[in-house]
Amino acid sequence: MTVESQVNSIENDIFSTLGDVTIPQAPPEFRSGFIGIIGRPNVGKSTLMNYLVGQKIAITSPVAQTTRNRLRGILTTPEAQMIFVDTPGIHKPHHQLGEVLVQNAKIAIESVDVVLFVVDGTSACGAGDRYIFELLYRSQTPVILGLNKIDGQPPNPEKIDESYIQLTENTPWQTVKFSAKTGEGLPHLQQILIENLAPGPYYYPPDLVTDQPERFIMGELIREQILLLTREEVPHSVAIAIDKVEETPSLTRVIATINVERDSQKGILIGKGGSMLKSVGSAAREQIQKLIAGKVYLELFVKVQPKWRHSRIRLAELGYRVEE
């Protein structure tokens, strides 16, 4: 698929999703476009997008490889509309799910207008960063290098910074230092991103912050709590299916299934006397209530799906497909 056809596909998705919603005409000199956030796992891509759009739409955790889907966050200012595409961290895949996620991240590089290559500014450039650099260097898409986590840099970070400067010295790439946690440097980053976008229309209504349906974000908020509460015991073997959402004027009832690969993982998730499942459900319910601004009843079930990460059929059933 060519870049042009990919862009047309994205635009078709947008307008079919928005339906009859009226999008205003952009003022003169208005800029717009898609910005791919690319980088290794756990460099702060999702935290960055959440901060920029001003709302939590992407889950975050200390566990690497948290993001699984290409999630769009939308920031509209008087000058521009920036559609951020948060991608899975690019890493060496160990199963079918990993291959799908990395392939989707690579496709994103060629289907956006600008790439923001995010690196961890608390450590020197490594092999993973150099691998992504080679992918981006061969691409025709403009790239901005972003050194994140400057709030955690040592007192004299010159050696760390220099390792990335040397990496990009033969490129036209701009470099920006910032902290997605504190917001330091983000106004400057935002301005550089706008300058790299071409004049264009509103793709979305100005008050929209994501194009993802609520059901998807509900599932991600449940998965986030599992990542936070179970740490390394279970996280990457989990997929969430939202089975039913029933809305009344006073309550939203959500029924969801947590899919795992082994009986032992099911036992960990349920916990003694159902304690872990109750903790996950309680924390996720609080986050979902913030999302929908209303009262939520959340019911969770746990189901064993052996080796689902290795099966294309199971991956498709759970919503993981190679983007086209």
Protein backbone atom coordinates (compact mmCIF):
# COMPACT_ATOMS: atom_id res chain seq x y z
CA MET A 1 0.00 0.00 0.00
CA THR A 2 1.39 3.45 -0.96
CA VAL A 3 1.65 6.34 1.50
CA GLU A 4 -1.08 8.17 -0.44
CA SER A 5 -3.47 5.24 -0.17
CA GLN A 6 -2.63 4.88 3.54
CA VAL A 7 -3.49 8.54 4.11
CA ASN A 8 -6.73 8.14 2.13
CA SER A 9 -7.57 5.11 4.26
CA ILE A 10 -6.97 7.12 7.44
CA GLU A 11 -9.19 9.94 6.17
CA ASN A 12 -11.94 7.50 5.23
CA ASP A 13 -11.77 6.00 8.73
CA ILE A 14 -12.04 9.47 10.23
CA PHE A 15 -15.11 10.53 8.31
CA SER A 16 -16.90 7.19 8.73
CA THR A 17 -16.24 7.42 12.49
CA LEU A 18 -17.46 11.00 12.82
CA GLY A 19 -20.64 10.37 10.84
CA ASP A 20 -22.83 13.49 10.77
CA VAL A 21 -20.66 15.58 13.09
CA THR A 22 -19.96 18.99 11.55
CA ILE A 23 -16.31 19.96 11.27
CA PRO A 24 -15.67 23.72 10.95
CA GLN A 25 -13.67 25.26 8.16
CA ALA A 26 -10.09 25.98 9.17
CA PRO A 27 -8.91 29.61 9.22
CA PRO A 28 -6.23 30.85 6.81
CA GLU A 29 -2.68 29.66 7.56
CA PHE A 30 -4.06 26.86 9.76
CA ARG A 31 -1.85 23.75 9.87
CA SER A 32 -2.77 20.13 10.47
CA GLY A 33 -1.40 16.64 10.16
CA PHE A 34 -0.51 13.29 11.68
CA ILE A 35 2.48 12.93 14.00
CA GLY A 36 3.82 9.45 14.71
CA ILE A 37 5.37 8.98 18.17
CA ILE A 38 8.05 6.32 17.65
CA GLY A 39 10.60 4.85 20.04
CA ARG A 40 11.75 1.92 22.14
CA PRO A 41 9.40 0.49 24.78
CA ASN A 42 9.02 2.50 27.98
CA VAL A 43 10.58 5.78 26.81
CA GLY A 44 7.43 7.73 27.75
CA LYS A 45 5.50 7.88 24.46
CA SER A 46 2.05 7.40 26.01
CA THR A 47 2.81 9.76 28.91
CA LEU A 48 3.84 12.38 26.36
CA MET A 49 0.66 12.05 24.32
CA ASN A 50 -1.54 12.20 27.42
CA TYR A 51 0.20 15.39 28.56
CA LEU A 52 -0.04 17.06 25.16
CA VAL A 53 -3.77 16.39 24.66
CA GLY A 54 -4.49 17.26 28.28
CA GLN A 55 -6.34 14.06 29.11
CA LYS A 56 -5.55 10.42 29.81
CA ILE A 57 -6.34 8.43 26.68
CA ALA A 58 -3.31 6.11 26.57
CA ILE A 59 -2.42 3.78 29.42
CA THR A 60 0.95 4.04 31.12
CA SER A 61 2.86 1.75 33.45
CA PRO A 62 6.42 0.93 34.54
CA VAL A 63 6.16 -2.26 32.47
CA ALA A 64 7.75 -2.07 29.00
CA GLN A 65 5.69 -2.61 25.84
CA THR A 66 2.49 -1.26 27.40
CA THR A 67 1.02 0.16 24.19
CA ARG A 68 -0.44 -2.42 21.79
CA ASN A 69 -2.58 -0.39 19.41
CA ARG A 70 -1.97 2.68 17.30
CA LEU A 71 -3.91 5.18 19.37
CA ARG A 72 -4.70 8.66 18.09
CA GLY A 73 -4.68 11.65 20.40
CA ILE A 74 -5.83 15.03 19.09
CA LEU A 75 -4.55 18.44 20.13
CA THR A 76 -6.19 21.48 18.57
CA THR A 77 -4.79 24.98 19.09
CA PRO A 78 -5.66 28.28 17.36
CA GLU A 79 -2.74 27.59 15.00
CA ALA A 80 -3.03 23.90 14.22
CA GLN A 81 -4.59 20.50 14.74
CA MET A 82 -2.05 17.81 15.64
CA ILE A 83 -3.14 14.17 15.48
CA PHE A 84 -0.65 12.13 17.51
CA VAL A 85 -0.32 8.46 16.65
CA ASP A 86 1.02 6.62 19.72
CA THR A 87 2.64 3.38 18.56
CA PRO A 88 3.86 0.20 20.26
CA GLY A 89 7.52 0.33 21.27
CA ILE A 90 9.77 -1.07 18.56
CA HIS A 91 11.56 -4.14 19.94
CA LYS A 92 12.67 -7.63 18.93
CA PRO A 93 9.44 -9.66 18.79
CA HIS A 94 9.23 -13.01 20.59
CA HIS A 95 5.77 -14.13 19.45
CA GLN A 96 3.05 -13.41 16.87
CA LEU A 97 1.61 -10.55 18.93
CA GLY A 98 5.03 -8.89 19.09
CA GLU A 99 5.46 -9.22 15.33
CA VAL A 100 2.05 -7.59 14.72
CA LEU A 101 2.83 -4.72 17.09
CA VAL A 102 6.26 -3.98 15.62
CA GLN A 103 4.94 -4.22 12.07
CA ASN A 104 2.19 -1.71 12.90
CA ALA A 105 4.76 0.68 14.37
CA LYS A 106 6.86 0.43 11.21
CA ILE A 107 3.82 1.07 9.00
CA ALA A 108 3.06 4.18 11.06
CA ILE A 109 6.41 5.66 10.07
CA GLU A 110 5.33 5.86 6.44
CA SER A 111 1.71 6.86 7.04
CA VAL A 112 2.22 10.08 9.04
CA ASP A 113 3.34 13.58 8.12
CA VAL A 114 6.01 13.91 10.83
CA VAL A 115 7.77 11.42 13.11
CA LEU A 116 8.65 12.31 16.68
CA PHE A 117 11.43 9.88 17.62
CA VAL A 118 11.36 9.71 21.43
CA VAL A 119 14.40 8.48 23.38
CA ASP A 120 15.16 8.14 27.08
CA GLY A 121 17.31 11.14 27.99
CA THR A 122 18.49 9.52 31.24
CA SER A 123 20.67 6.96 29.41
CA ALA A 124 23.04 7.08 26.45
CA CYS A 125 22.03 5.98 22.98
CA GLY A 126 21.81 2.18 22.75
CA ALA A 127 21.41 -0.55 20.14
CA GLY A 128 17.62 -0.25 20.17
CA ASP A 129 17.80 3.47 19.44
CA ARG A 130 20.29 2.87 16.60
CA TYR A 131 17.99 0.24 15.08
CA ILE A 132 15.08 2.70 15.01
CA PHE A 133 17.39 5.41 13.68
CA GLU A 134 18.22 3.19 10.67
CA LEU A 135 14.50 2.66 9.99
CA LEU A 136 13.82 6.39 10.13
CA TYR A 137 16.95 7.34 8.20
CA ARG A 138 15.69 5.33 5.22
CA SER A 139 12.24 6.89 5.45
CA GLN A 140 11.11 9.96 3.53
CA THR A 141 9.11 11.21 6.51
CA PRO A 142 10.51 14.28 8.35
CA VAL A 143 11.84 13.39 11.82
CA ILE A 144 12.20 15.31 15.09
CA LEU A 145 14.35 13.74 17.81
CA GLY A 146 12.89 14.14 21.29
CA LEU A 147 15.03 13.54 24.41
CA ASN A 148 12.46 12.74 27.09
CA LYS A 149 12.84 12.40 30.89
CA ILE A 150 15.17 15.37 31.28
CA ASP A 151 13.78 15.75 34.82
CA GLY A 152 15.69 12.55 35.63
CA GLN A 153 18.99 13.43 33.95
CA PRO A 154 22.21 13.58 36.02
CA PRO A 155 23.68 17.02 36.89
CA ASN A 156 26.06 16.81 33.91
CA PRO A 157 24.14 15.15 31.06
CA GLU A 158 26.50 16.25 28.28
CA LYS A 159 27.76 12.73 27.50
CA ILE A 160 24.21 11.38 27.23
CA ASP A 161 23.11 14.25 25.00
CA GLU A 162 26.22 13.95 22.83
CA SER A 163 25.52 10.25 22.13
CA TYR A 164 22.25 11.24 20.45
CA ILE A 165 23.71 14.30 18.74
CA GLN A 166 26.37 12.07 17.15
CA LEU A 167 23.67 9.65 16.02
CA THR A 168 21.85 12.35 14.05
CA GLU A 169 24.75 14.59 12.99
CA ASN A 170 24.39 13.69 9.30
CA THR A 171 20.64 14.30 9.23
CA PRO A 172 18.50 17.46 9.00
CA TRP A 173 16.59 16.39 12.11
CA GLN A 174 15.82 18.91 14.83
CA THR A 175 16.42 17.90 18.46
CA VAL A 176 14.27 18.91 21.43
CA LYS A 177 14.74 18.14 25.13
CA PHE A 178 11.66 17.83 27.35
CA SER A 179 9.93 16.02 30.20
CA ALA A 180 6.58 14.37 29.49
CA LYS A 181 6.19 14.03 33.27
CA THR A 182 6.63 17.68 34.30
CA GLY A 183 5.86 19.44 31.01
CA GLU A 184 9.25 21.16 30.83
CA GLY A 185 10.18 21.90 27.22
CA LEU A 186 6.82 20.79 25.80
CA PRO A 187 5.67 24.26 24.61
CA HIS A 188 8.88 24.42 22.53
CA LEU A 189 8.29 20.90 21.21
CA GLN A 190 4.71 21.74 20.33
CA GLN A 191 5.80 24.82 18.36
CA ILE A 192 8.41 22.85 16.39
CA LEU A 193 5.82 20.18 15.54
CA ILE A 194 3.42 22.84 14.25
CA GLU A 195 6.17 24.38 12.11
CA ASN A 196 6.75 20.98 10.48
CA LEU A 197 3.11 20.53 9.47
CA ALA A 198 1.72 21.77 6.16
CA PRO A 199 -1.32 24.05 5.87
CA GLY A 200 -4.43 21.89 6.15
CA PRO A 201 -8.01 21.49 7.39
CA TYR A 202 -9.55 20.34 10.64
CA TYR A 203 -9.64 16.54 10.46
CA TYR A 204 -11.69 16.35 13.65
CA PRO A 205 -13.99 18.67 15.65
CA PRO A 206 -11.76 21.03 17.68
CA ASP A 207 -12.97 19.70 21.06
CA LEU A 208 -12.22 16.03 20.35
CA VAL A 209 -9.17 14.48 22.08
CA THR A 210 -9.23 10.96 20.56
CA ASP A 211 -10.92 9.04 17.76
CA GLN A 212 -11.06 5.79 19.73
CA PRO A 213 -14.46 4.53 20.94
CA GLU A 214 -15.14 4.49 24.68
CA ARG A 215 -15.26 0.69 24.73
CA PHE A 216 -11.65 0.49 23.54
CA ILE A 217 -10.43 2.94 26.18
CA MET A 218 -12.41 1.10 28.87
CA GLY A 219 -10.55 -2.09 27.98
CA GLU A 220 -7.21 -0.29 28.08
CA LEU A 221 -7.97 1.19 31.51
CA ILE A 222 -8.70 -2.29 32.86
CA ARG A 223 -5.47 -3.61 31.34
CA GLU A 224 -3.53 -0.72 32.87
CA GLN A 225 -4.59 -1.70 36.38
CA ILE A 226 -3.49 -5.29 35.73
CA LEU A 227 -0.11 -3.98 34.59
CA LEU A 228 0.20 -1.88 37.73
CA LEU A 229 -1.06 -4.41 40.28
CA THR A 230 0.41 -7.68 39.00
CA ARG A 231 3.74 -6.26 37.75
CA GLU A 232 5.83 -8.93 36.01
CA GLU A 233 3.73 -11.93 37.00
CA VAL A 234 1.02 -11.61 34.36
CA PRO A 235 1.02 -8.35 32.30
CA HIS A 236 1.98 -9.31 28.74
CA SER A 237 -0.27 -12.38 28.66
CA VAL A 238 -3.43 -10.32 29.16
CA ALA A 239 -5.99 -9.15 26.61
CA ILE A 240 -9.28 -7.46 27.49
CA ALA A 241 -12.61 -7.99 25.72
CA ILE A 242 -15.49 -5.62 26.55
CA ASP A 243 -18.48 -7.94 26.31
CA LYS A 244 -21.30 -5.54 27.07
CA VAL A 245 -21.94 -1.89 27.91
CA GLU A 246 -25.43 -1.00 29.15
CA GLU A 247 -26.24 2.66 29.80
CA THR A 248 -29.05 4.12 31.91
CA PRO A 249 -29.48 7.74 33.03
CA SER A 250 -27.94 6.92 36.43
CA LEU A 251 -25.50 4.06 35.76
CA THR A 252 -23.26 2.50 33.09
CA ARG A 253 -22.89 -1.28 33.45
CA VAL A 254 -19.73 -2.73 31.92
CA ILE A 255 -19.04 -6.46 31.59
CA ALA A 256 -15.53 -7.45 30.51
CA THR A 257 -13.45 -10.62 30.13
CA ILE A 258 -9.76 -10.74 30.99
CA ASN A 259 -8.07 -13.30 28.71
CA VAL A 260 -4.88 -15.00 29.91
CA GLU A 261 -2.76 -17.86 28.56
CA ARG A 262 -2.39 -20.18 31.58
CA ASP A 263 -4.39 -21.42 34.57
CA SER A 264 -1.65 -20.13 36.88
CA GLN A 265 -2.14 -16.61 35.51
CA LYS A 266 -5.88 -16.90 36.07
CA GLY A 267 -5.19 -17.84 39.68
CA ILE A 268 -2.92 -14.82 40.17
CA LEU A 269 -5.50 -12.46 38.64
CA ILE A 270 -8.33 -13.75 40.78
CA GLY A 271 -6.21 -13.88 43.94
CA LYS A 272 -7.04 -15.34 47.32
CA GLY A 273 -10.77 -15.06 47.86
CA GLY A 274 -11.02 -12.96 44.70
CA SER A 275 -8.91 -10.18 46.27
CA MET A 276 -6.80 -9.33 43.21
CA LEU A 277 -9.77 -9.22 40.84
CA LYS A 278 -11.60 -6.95 43.29
CA SER A 279 -8.57 -4.62 43.45
CA VAL A 280 -8.27 -4.50 39.65
CA GLY A 281 -12.01 -3.92 39.27
CA SER A 282 -12.16 -1.17 41.88
CA ALA A 283 -9.21 0.76 40.45
CA ALA A 284 -10.39 0.34 36.84
CA ARG A 285 -13.92 1.42 37.75
CA GLU A 286 -12.59 4.69 39.19
CA GLN A 287 -10.70 5.41 35.94
CA ILE A 288 -13.70 4.52 33.74
CA GLN A 289 -15.91 6.82 35.82
CA LYS A 290 -13.52 9.68 35.04
CA LEU A 291 -13.68 8.76 31.35
CA ILE A 292 -17.47 8.84 31.08
CA ALA A 293 -18.11 11.34 33.91
CA GLY A 294 -20.72 9.08 35.50
CA LYS A 295 -21.30 6.17 37.85
CA VAL A 296 -20.06 2.75 36.67
CA TYR A 297 -20.76 -0.84 37.66
CA LEU A 298 -17.90 -3.03 36.42
CA GLU A 299 -18.07 -6.83 36.33
CA LEU A 300 -14.92 -8.77 35.41
CA PHE A 301 -14.42 -12.39 34.38
CA VAL A 302 -11.15 -14.25 33.72
CA LYS A 303 -10.82 -16.75 30.86
CA VAL A 304 -7.89 -18.95 29.80
CA GLN A 305 -7.04 -18.75 26.08
CA PRO A 306 -3.92 -20.94 25.66
CA LYS A 307 -1.13 -19.30 23.59
CA TRP A 308 -3.40 -16.55 22.27
CA ARG A 309 -0.38 -14.31 21.54
CA HIS A 310 0.94 -16.92 19.08
CA SER A 311 -2.30 -17.35 17.10
CA ARG A 312 -3.31 -14.97 14.31
CA ILE A 313 -6.93 -16.11 14.69
CA ARG A 314 -6.99 -15.39 18.42
CA LEU A 315 -5.18 -12.08 17.89
CA ALA A 316 -7.79 -11.02 15.34
CA GLU A 317 -10.63 -12.02 17.68
CA LEU A 318 -9.10 -9.83 20.41
CA GLY A 319 -8.63 -6.87 18.08
CA TYR A 320 -4.94 -7.16 17.13
CA ARG A 321 -4.43 -6.95 13.37
CA VAL A 322 -1.66 -5.72 11.12
CA GLU A 323 -2.59 -2.20 10.02
CA GLU A 324 -2.98 -1.60 6.29
